[in-house]
C-alpha atoms as a PDB file:
ATOM      1  CA  MET A   1     129.764-183.070  60.639  1.00  0.00           C
ATOM      2  CA  ASP A   2     128.758-184.089  64.223  1.00  0.00           C
ATOM      3  CA  VAL A   3     125.450-183.431  65.481  1.00  0.00           C
ATOM      4  CA  THR A   4     124.202-183.521  69.510  1.00  0.00           C
ATOM      5  CA  LEU A   5     120.385-183.658  69.641  1.00  0.00           C
ATOM      6  CA  THR A   6     118.596-182.063  72.845  1.00  0.00           C
ATOM      7  CA  PHE A   7     115.132-181.394  73.576  1.00  0.00           C
ATOM      8  CA  ASP A   8     113.822-178.710  75.985  1.00  0.00           C
ATOM      9  CA  ASN A   9     110.782-178.064  77.912  1.00  0.00           C
ATOM     10  CA  GLY A  10     109.129-181.283  77.983  1.00  0.00           C
ATOM     11  CA  PRO A  11     108.052-184.082  78.573  1.00  0.00           C
ATOM     12  CA  GLU A  12     104.682-183.533  76.456  1.00  0.00           C
ATOM     13  CA  PRO A  13     102.364-186.664  76.261  1.00  0.00           C
ATOM     14  CA  ALA A  14     101.277-185.482  72.930  1.00  0.00           C
ATOM     15  CA  VAL A  15     104.551-184.991  71.358  1.00  0.00           C
ATOM     16  CA  THR A  16     107.640-186.790  73.424  1.00  0.00           C
ATOM     17  CA  PRO A  17     106.528-190.428  72.868  1.00  0.00           C
ATOM     18  CA  ARG A  18     106.575-189.725  69.036  1.00  0.00           C
ATOM     19  CA  VAL A  19     110.106-188.111  69.290  1.00  0.00           C
ATOM     20  CA  LEU A  20     111.237-191.311  71.097  1.00  0.00           C
ATOM     21  CA  ASP A  21     109.871-193.488  68.471  1.00  0.00           C
ATOM     22  CA  VAL A  22     111.810-191.544  65.891  1.00  0.00           C
ATOM     23  CA  LEU A  23     115.175-191.772  67.812  1.00  0.00           C
ATOM     24  CA  ALA A  24     114.437-195.507  68.398  1.00  0.00           C
ATOM     25  CA  HIS A  25     113.896-196.195  64.809  1.00  0.00           C
ATOM     26  CA  THR A  26     116.934-193.958  63.609  1.00  0.00           C
ATOM     27  CA  ARG A  27     119.152-195.227  66.504  1.00  0.00           C
ATOM     28  CA  VAL A  28     119.870-191.656  67.650  1.00  0.00           C
ATOM     29  CA  ASN A  29     120.393-190.952  71.350  1.00  0.00           C
ATOM     30  CA  ALA A  30     119.486-187.479  72.764  1.00  0.00           C
ATOM     31  CA  THR A  31     119.123-185.448  75.794  1.00  0.00           C
ATOM     32  CA  PHE A  32     115.886-184.226  77.043  1.00  0.00           C
ATOM     33  CA  PHE A  33     116.344-180.957  79.429  1.00  0.00           C
ATOM     34  CA  ALA A  34     112.771-181.452  81.322  1.00  0.00           C
ATOM     35  CA  LEU A  35     110.925-178.958  83.544  1.00  0.00           C
ATOM     36  CA  GLY A  36     110.637-179.879  86.934  1.00  0.00           C
ATOM     37  CA  SER A  37     107.011-178.546  87.164  1.00  0.00           C
ATOM     38  CA  LYS A  38     106.203-180.928  84.200  1.00  0.00           C
ATOM     39  CA  LEU A  39     108.184-184.026  86.064  1.00  0.00           C
ATOM     40  CA  ALA A  40     105.787-183.507  88.879  1.00  0.00           C
ATOM     41  CA  ASP A  41     102.860-184.824  86.652  1.00  0.00           C
ATOM     42  CA  PRO A  42     103.060-188.715  86.851  1.00  0.00           C
ATOM     43  CA  GLU A  43     102.172-189.087  83.282  1.00  0.00           C
ATOM     44  CA  ARG A  44     104.971-186.810  82.200  1.00  0.00           C
ATOM     45  CA  ARG A  45     107.452-188.554  84.491  1.00  0.00           C
ATOM     46  CA  ALA A  46     106.497-191.843  83.274  1.00  0.00           C
ATOM     47  CA  ILE A  47     107.661-190.568  79.603  1.00  0.00           C
ATOM     48  CA  ALA A  48     110.967-189.523  81.147  1.00  0.00           C
ATOM     49  CA  LYS A  49     111.620-192.881  82.845  1.00  0.00           C
ATOM     50  CA  ARG A  50     110.804-194.507  79.353  1.00  0.00           C
ATOM     51  CA  ALA A  51     113.544-191.931  77.518  1.00  0.00           C
ATOM     52  CA  HIS A  52     116.074-192.825  80.457  1.00  0.00           C
ATOM     53  CA  ALA A  53     115.458-196.547  79.912  1.00  0.00           C
ATOM     54  CA  GLU A  54     116.013-196.220  76.212  1.00  0.00           C
ATOM     55  CA  GLY A  55     119.371-194.845  76.849  1.00  0.00           C
ATOM     56  CA  HIS A  56     118.506-190.879  76.511  1.00  0.00           C
ATOM     57  CA  TRP A  57     119.691-188.613  79.022  1.00  0.00           C
ATOM     58  CA  ILE A  58     117.600-186.506  81.275  1.00  0.00           C
ATOM     59  CA  GLY A  59     118.853-182.880  82.407  1.00  0.00           C
ATOM     60  CA  ASN A  60     117.711-180.303  84.439  1.00  0.00           C
ATOM     61  CA  HIS A  61     116.080-177.141  82.886  1.00  0.00           C
ATOM     62  CA  THR A  62     114.827-175.390  85.793  1.00  0.00           C
ATOM     63  CA  TRP A  63     111.442-175.752  87.527  1.00  0.00           C
ATOM     64  CA  SER A  64     109.326-173.167  86.002  1.00  0.00           C
ATOM     65  CA  HIS A  65     110.912-171.903  82.822  1.00  0.00           C
ATOM     66  CA  GLN A  66     109.708-168.227  83.461  1.00  0.00           C
ATOM     67  CA  GLN A  67     112.560-166.101  83.844  1.00  0.00           C
ATOM     68  CA  PRO A  68     116.439-166.580  83.259  1.00  0.00           C
ATOM     69  CA  LEU A  69     118.025-167.027  86.233  1.00  0.00           C
ATOM     70  CA  GLY A  70     120.579-164.189  85.687  1.00  0.00           C
ATOM     71  CA  ARG A  71     117.637-161.761  85.886  1.00  0.00           C
ATOM     72  CA  LEU A  72     116.485-163.021  89.220  1.00  0.00           C
ATOM     73  CA  ASN A  73     117.445-161.371  92.390  1.00  0.00           C
ATOM     74  CA  ASP A  74     115.378-163.890  94.668  1.00  0.00           C
ATOM     75  CA  THR A  75     118.184-166.374  95.870  1.00  0.00           C
ATOM     76  CA  ALA A  76     115.834-168.927  97.348  1.00  0.00           C
ATOM     77  CA  ARG A  77     113.876-169.053  94.073  1.00  0.00           C
ATOM     78  CA  VAL A  78     117.247-169.464  92.034  1.00  0.00           C
ATOM     79  CA  LEU A  79     118.042-172.179  94.437  1.00  0.00           C
ATOM     80  CA  ALA A  80     114.847-174.087  94.018  1.00  0.00           C
ATOM     81  CA  GLU A  81     114.627-173.626  90.499  1.00  0.00           C
ATOM     82  CA  ILE A  82     117.559-175.799  90.220  1.00  0.00           C
ATOM     83  CA  ILE A  83     117.301-177.940  93.377  1.00  0.00           C
ATOM     84  CA  ASP A  84     113.364-178.753  93.195  1.00  0.00           C
ATOM     85  CA  THR A  85     113.920-180.004  89.568  1.00  0.00           C
ATOM     86  CA  ASP A  86     116.750-181.917  90.502  1.00  0.00           C
ATOM     87  CA  ALA A  87     114.900-183.717  93.182  1.00  0.00           C
ATOM     88  CA  ALA A  88     112.037-184.426  90.473  1.00  0.00           C
ATOM     89  CA  ILE A  89     114.398-186.032  88.251  1.00  0.00           C
ATOM     90  CA  GLY A  90     115.789-188.358  91.098  1.00  0.00           C
ATOM     91  CA  GLU A  91     117.053-191.625  89.666  1.00  0.00           C
ATOM     92  CA  LEU A  92     116.729-190.616  86.179  1.00  0.00           C
ATOM     93  CA  ALA A  93     119.658-188.021  86.664  1.00  0.00           C
ATOM     94  CA  HIS A  94     122.728-188.558  84.549  1.00  0.00           C
ATOM     95  CA  PRO A  95     125.710-189.383  86.550  1.00  0.00           C
ATOM     96  CA  ASP A  96     127.148-185.704  85.593  1.00  0.00           C
ATOM     97  CA  ARG A  97     123.673-184.386  86.819  1.00  0.00           C
ATOM     98  CA  LEU A  98     123.270-182.102  83.758  1.00  0.00           C
ATOM     99  CA  PHE A  99     121.642-178.484  83.833  1.00  0.00           C
ATOM    100  CA  ARG A 100     120.730-176.200  81.009  1.00  0.00           C
ATOM    101  CA  PRO A 101     119.640-172.649  81.924  1.00  0.00           C
ATOM    102  CA  PHE A 102     116.881-171.077  80.433  1.00  0.00           C
ATOM    103  CA  GLY A 103     118.012-168.489  77.849  1.00  0.00           C
ATOM    104  CA  GLY A 104     114.671-166.917  76.667  1.00  0.00           C
ATOM    105  CA  GLY A 105     114.623-167.494  73.145  1.00  0.00           C
ATOM    106  CA  GLY A 106     117.823-169.213  72.964  1.00  0.00           C
ATOM    107  CA  ALA A 107     120.192-166.078  73.192  1.00  0.00           C
ATOM    108  CA  LEU A 108     123.502-166.741  75.082  1.00  0.00           C
ATOM    109  CA  GLY A 109     124.435-164.232  77.451  1.00  0.00           C
ATOM    110  CA  THR A 110     124.933-162.952  81.057  1.00  0.00           C
ATOM    111  CA  HIS A 111     121.291-163.292  81.716  1.00  0.00           C
ATOM    112  CA  LEU A 112     121.695-167.209  81.803  1.00  0.00           C
ATOM    113  CA  LEU A 113     123.217-167.596  85.228  1.00  0.00           C
ATOM    114  CA  ASN A 114     123.987-165.490  88.242  1.00  0.00           C
ATOM    115  CA  PRO A 115     126.769-165.971  91.076  1.00  0.00           C
ATOM    116  CA  VAL A 116     124.144-167.774  93.457  1.00  0.00           C
ATOM    117  CA  ALA A 117     123.441-170.462  90.791  1.00  0.00           C
ATOM    118  CA  VAL A 118     127.118-170.970  89.863  1.00  0.00           C
ATOM    119  CA  GLU A 119     128.002-171.512  93.211  1.00  0.00           C
ATOM    120  CA  LEU A 120     125.138-174.110  93.588  1.00  0.00           C
ATOM    121  CA  LEU A 121     126.194-175.946  90.488  1.00  0.00           C
ATOM    122  CA  LYS A 122     129.695-176.038  91.789  1.00  0.00           C
ATOM    123  CA  LYS A 123     128.829-177.104  95.265  1.00  0.00           C
ATOM    124  CA  GLU A 124     126.499-179.980  93.936  1.00  0.00           C
ATOM    125  CA  ARG A 125     128.959-180.956  91.292  1.00  0.00           C
ATOM    126  CA  MET A 126     126.563-180.291  88.505  1.00  0.00           C
ATOM    127  CA  THR A 127     127.213-179.908  84.629  1.00  0.00           C
ATOM    128  CA  CYS A 128     126.124-176.944  82.926  1.00  0.00           C
ATOM    129  CA  VAL A 129     125.137-177.441  79.154  1.00  0.00           C
ATOM    130  CA  LEU A 130     124.900-174.784  76.825  1.00  0.00           C
ATOM    131  CA  TRP A 131     124.500-174.645  73.052  1.00  0.00           C
ATOM    132  CA  ASN A 132     125.685-173.407  69.756  1.00  0.00           C
ATOM    133  CA  ALA A 133     122.552-173.794  67.314  1.00  0.00           C
ATOM    134  CA  VAL A 134     119.009-172.792  67.910  1.00  0.00           C
ATOM    135  CA  PRO A 135     116.954-173.290  64.787  1.00  0.00           C
ATOM    136  CA  ARG A 136     113.724-171.806  66.515  1.00  0.00           C
ATOM    137  CA  ASP A 137     111.375-174.694  65.951  1.00  0.00           C
ATOM    138  CA  TRP A 138     108.812-173.240  67.898  1.00  0.00           C
ATOM    139  CA  GLU A 139     108.413-170.291  65.799  1.00  0.00           C
ATOM    140  CA  ASP A 140     109.011-172.118  62.586  1.00  0.00           C
ATOM    141  CA  PRO A 141     107.474-175.666  62.747  1.00  0.00           C
ATOM    142  CA  ARG A 142     107.969-176.343  58.994  1.00  0.00           C
ATOM    143  CA  GLY A 143     111.034-174.379  58.030  1.00  0.00           C
ATOM    144  CA  TRP A 144     113.411-175.235  61.211  1.00  0.00           C
ATOM    145  CA  VAL A 145     114.683-178.600  59.492  1.00  0.00           C
ATOM    146  CA  GLU A 146     116.420-175.929  56.766  1.00  0.00           C
ATOM    147  CA  THR A 147     117.760-173.533  59.298  1.00  0.00           C
ATOM    148  CA  ALA A 148     118.940-176.340  61.502  1.00  0.00           C
ATOM    149  CA  LEU A 149     120.909-177.888  58.738  1.00  0.00           C
ATOM    150  CA  ALA A 150     122.367-175.029  57.407  1.00  0.00           C
ATOM    151  CA  GLN A 151     123.772-173.925  60.997  1.00  0.00           C
ATOM    152  CA  CYS A 152     125.025-177.801  61.200  1.00  0.00           C
ATOM    153  CA  LEU A 153     126.768-177.389  58.119  1.00  0.00           C
ATOM    154  CA  THR A 154     128.803-174.211  59.461  1.00  0.00           C
ATOM    155  CA  GLN A 155     130.583-176.136  62.145  1.00  0.00           C
ATOM    156  CA  ALA A 156     132.264-179.268  63.010  1.00  0.00           C
ATOM    157  CA  TRP A 157     130.022-180.129  66.024  1.00  0.00           C
ATOM    158  CA  THR A 158     126.533-178.864  66.594  1.00  0.00           C
ATOM    159  CA  LEU A 159     124.855-178.969  69.794  1.00  0.00           C
ATOM    160  CA  LEU A 160     121.290-178.174  68.662  1.00  0.00           C
ATOM    161  CA  VAL A 161     118.156-177.213  70.884  1.00  0.00           C
ATOM    162  CA  LEU A 162     114.939-178.510  69.782  1.00  0.00           C
ATOM    163  CA  HIS A 163     111.590-178.642  71.660  1.00  0.00           C
ATOM    164  CA  ASP A 164     109.387-181.607  72.257  1.00  0.00           C
ATOM    165  CA  LEU A 165     106.491-179.174  72.629  1.00  0.00           C
ATOM    166  CA  PRO A 166     102.964-179.400  70.645  1.00  0.00           C
ATOM    167  CA  THR A 167     103.853-177.121  68.032  1.00  0.00           C
ATOM    168  CA  GLY A 168     103.911-179.689  65.009  1.00  0.00           C
ATOM    169  CA  ALA A 169     107.596-179.193  64.664  1.00  0.00           C
ATOM    170  CA  MET A 170     108.692-182.532  65.843  1.00  0.00           C
ATOM    171  CA  GLY A 171     106.472-184.069  63.036  1.00  0.00           C
ATOM    172  CA  ARG A 172     109.573-183.357  60.896  1.00  0.00           C
ATOM    173  CA  LEU A 173     112.399-184.568  63.058  1.00  0.00           C
ATOM    174  CA  ARG A 174     112.760-187.809  60.916  1.00  0.00           C
ATOM    175  CA  ILE A 175     113.415-185.661  57.735  1.00  0.00           C
ATOM    176  CA  PHE A 176     116.145-183.785  59.962  1.00  0.00           C
ATOM    177  CA  ILE A 177     117.598-186.633  60.756  1.00  0.00           C
ATOM    178  CA  ASP A 178     117.703-187.975  57.519  1.00  0.00           C
ATOM    179  CA  ARG A 179     118.949-185.011  56.025  1.00  0.00           C
ATOM    180  CA  VAL A 180     122.160-184.891  58.319  1.00  0.00           C
ATOM    181  CA  LEU A 181     122.820-188.321  57.338  1.00  0.00           C
ATOM    182  CA  ASP A 182     122.380-187.648  53.683  1.00  0.00           C
ATOM    183  CA  HIS A 183     124.910-184.985  54.451  1.00  0.00           C
ATOM    184  CA  GLY A 184     127.515-187.567  55.820  1.00  0.00           C
ATOM    185  CA  GLY A 185     126.780-186.372  59.270  1.00  0.00           C
ATOM    186  CA  ARG A 186     126.696-188.491  62.257  1.00  0.00           C
ATOM    187  CA  PHE A 187     124.819-188.029  65.675  1.00  0.00           C
ATOM    188  CA  ARG A 188     126.462-188.428  69.124  1.00  0.00           C
ATOM    189  CA  GLN A 189     125.225-188.058  72.390  1.00  0.00           C
ATOM    190  CA  GLU A 190     128.013-186.158  74.258  1.00  0.00           C
ATOM    191  CA  PHE A 191     128.401-182.352  74.078  1.00  0.00           C
ATOM    192  CA  PRO A 192     130.956-180.401  72.530  1.00  0.00           C
ATOM    193  CA  PRO A 193     133.568-179.030  75.226  1.00  0.00           C
ATOM    194  CA  GLU A 194     133.202-175.570  74.284  1.00  0.00           C
ATOM    195  CA  CYS A 195     129.245-175.704  75.366  1.00  0.00           C
ATOM    196  CA  VAL A 196     130.076-177.085  78.792  1.00  0.00           C
ATOM    197  CA  PRO A 197     131.529-174.251  80.836  1.00  0.00           C
ATOM    198  CA  ILE A 198     131.041-176.312  84.407  1.00  0.00           C
ATOM    199  CA  ARG A 199     131.695-180.068  84.268  1.00  0.00           C
ATOM    200  CA  ARG A 200     130.866-181.951  87.434  1.00  0.00           C
ATOM    201  CA  GLY A 201     131.152-178.850  89.799  1.00  0.00           C
ATOM    202  CA  GLU A 202     134.522-177.954  88.160  1.00  0.00           C
ATOM    203  CA  VAL A 203     134.849-174.622  85.814  1.00  0.00           C
ATOM    204  CA  VAL A 204     136.412-175.929  82.731  1.00  0.00           C
ATOM    205  CA  GLY A 205     135.362-173.213  80.072  1.00  0.00           C
ATOM    206  CA  GLN A 206     134.600-169.586  79.786  1.00  0.00           C
ATOM    207  CA  LEU A 207     132.268-168.691  82.521  1.00  0.00           C
ATOM    208  CA  GLU A 208     132.338-164.926  82.565  1.00  0.00           C
ATOM    209  CA  PRO A 209     129.979-164.354  79.149  1.00  0.00           C
ATOM    210  CA  TYR A 210     127.191-166.316  80.734  1.00  0.00           C
ATOM    211  CA  VAL A 211     126.938-164.922  84.472  1.00  0.00           C
ATOM    212  CA  ALA A 212     125.244-161.735  85.660  1.00  0.00           C
ATOM    213  CA  ALA A 213     127.563-159.337  87.382  1.00  0.00           C
END
C-alpha cells in the first residue's frame, strides 16, 4: 500500500506550520497545492518557502479557488487563474510545474478543465495532477482518518487530497500517518501515473473525462 499525501488550499499560518512539523517528525514528504491569492500574502508565502526548503513540492491550485475552470467561459480569467498563481509561486515551483484544478468538493469530471486551460498547460509545459481519494476532511474533521485509511486499503497506490485549513482536521494527521505505517504502508512523494494526464506539457493519460466540451 503506497500513499502520496497532498494538501490543498493553503498555506494557513494557524495550520500549515504544524502540518510541516508532523511531516518532519515522521519523515514524510508531500505536495502543497497552494492558492495564488494566499501566496500573495508575505506571511503565507514564507510558510510555502519553509515547505519547499524542507523538501516538499509546491503546486498551483488556481488563484481564487472560486469556480472550476470547466465552468468558466471567460478566457482571460481562466488564463489568469493559472498564470498569476504560477507567478506567485515563482522560484518555489517544482521543475514539472505542478497544477491541480479545483474540483468543487473533490469530484472528478469534465468541470475540472476547459480547452483553454489544457492548451495553456501544454504550451507552458506544466503537469496536471489529479487524485484518487478524497476523505472530505473539511466536512469530517475527526472521522476523516478512518475514511482515508479505508480508501487507501482499496487500492495499491493512493493519491490523497487533504486540506491544510483551520478545521481542526490536521490535528489528526499524525494518527493517520501512524495508521498507514501500522498497516505496512509506505509514503512516497511521486504521483500515481493514472492521476497525471498531462506531464510537462505532454498528454500522457486519459484527458477527455476531465475537459468541458
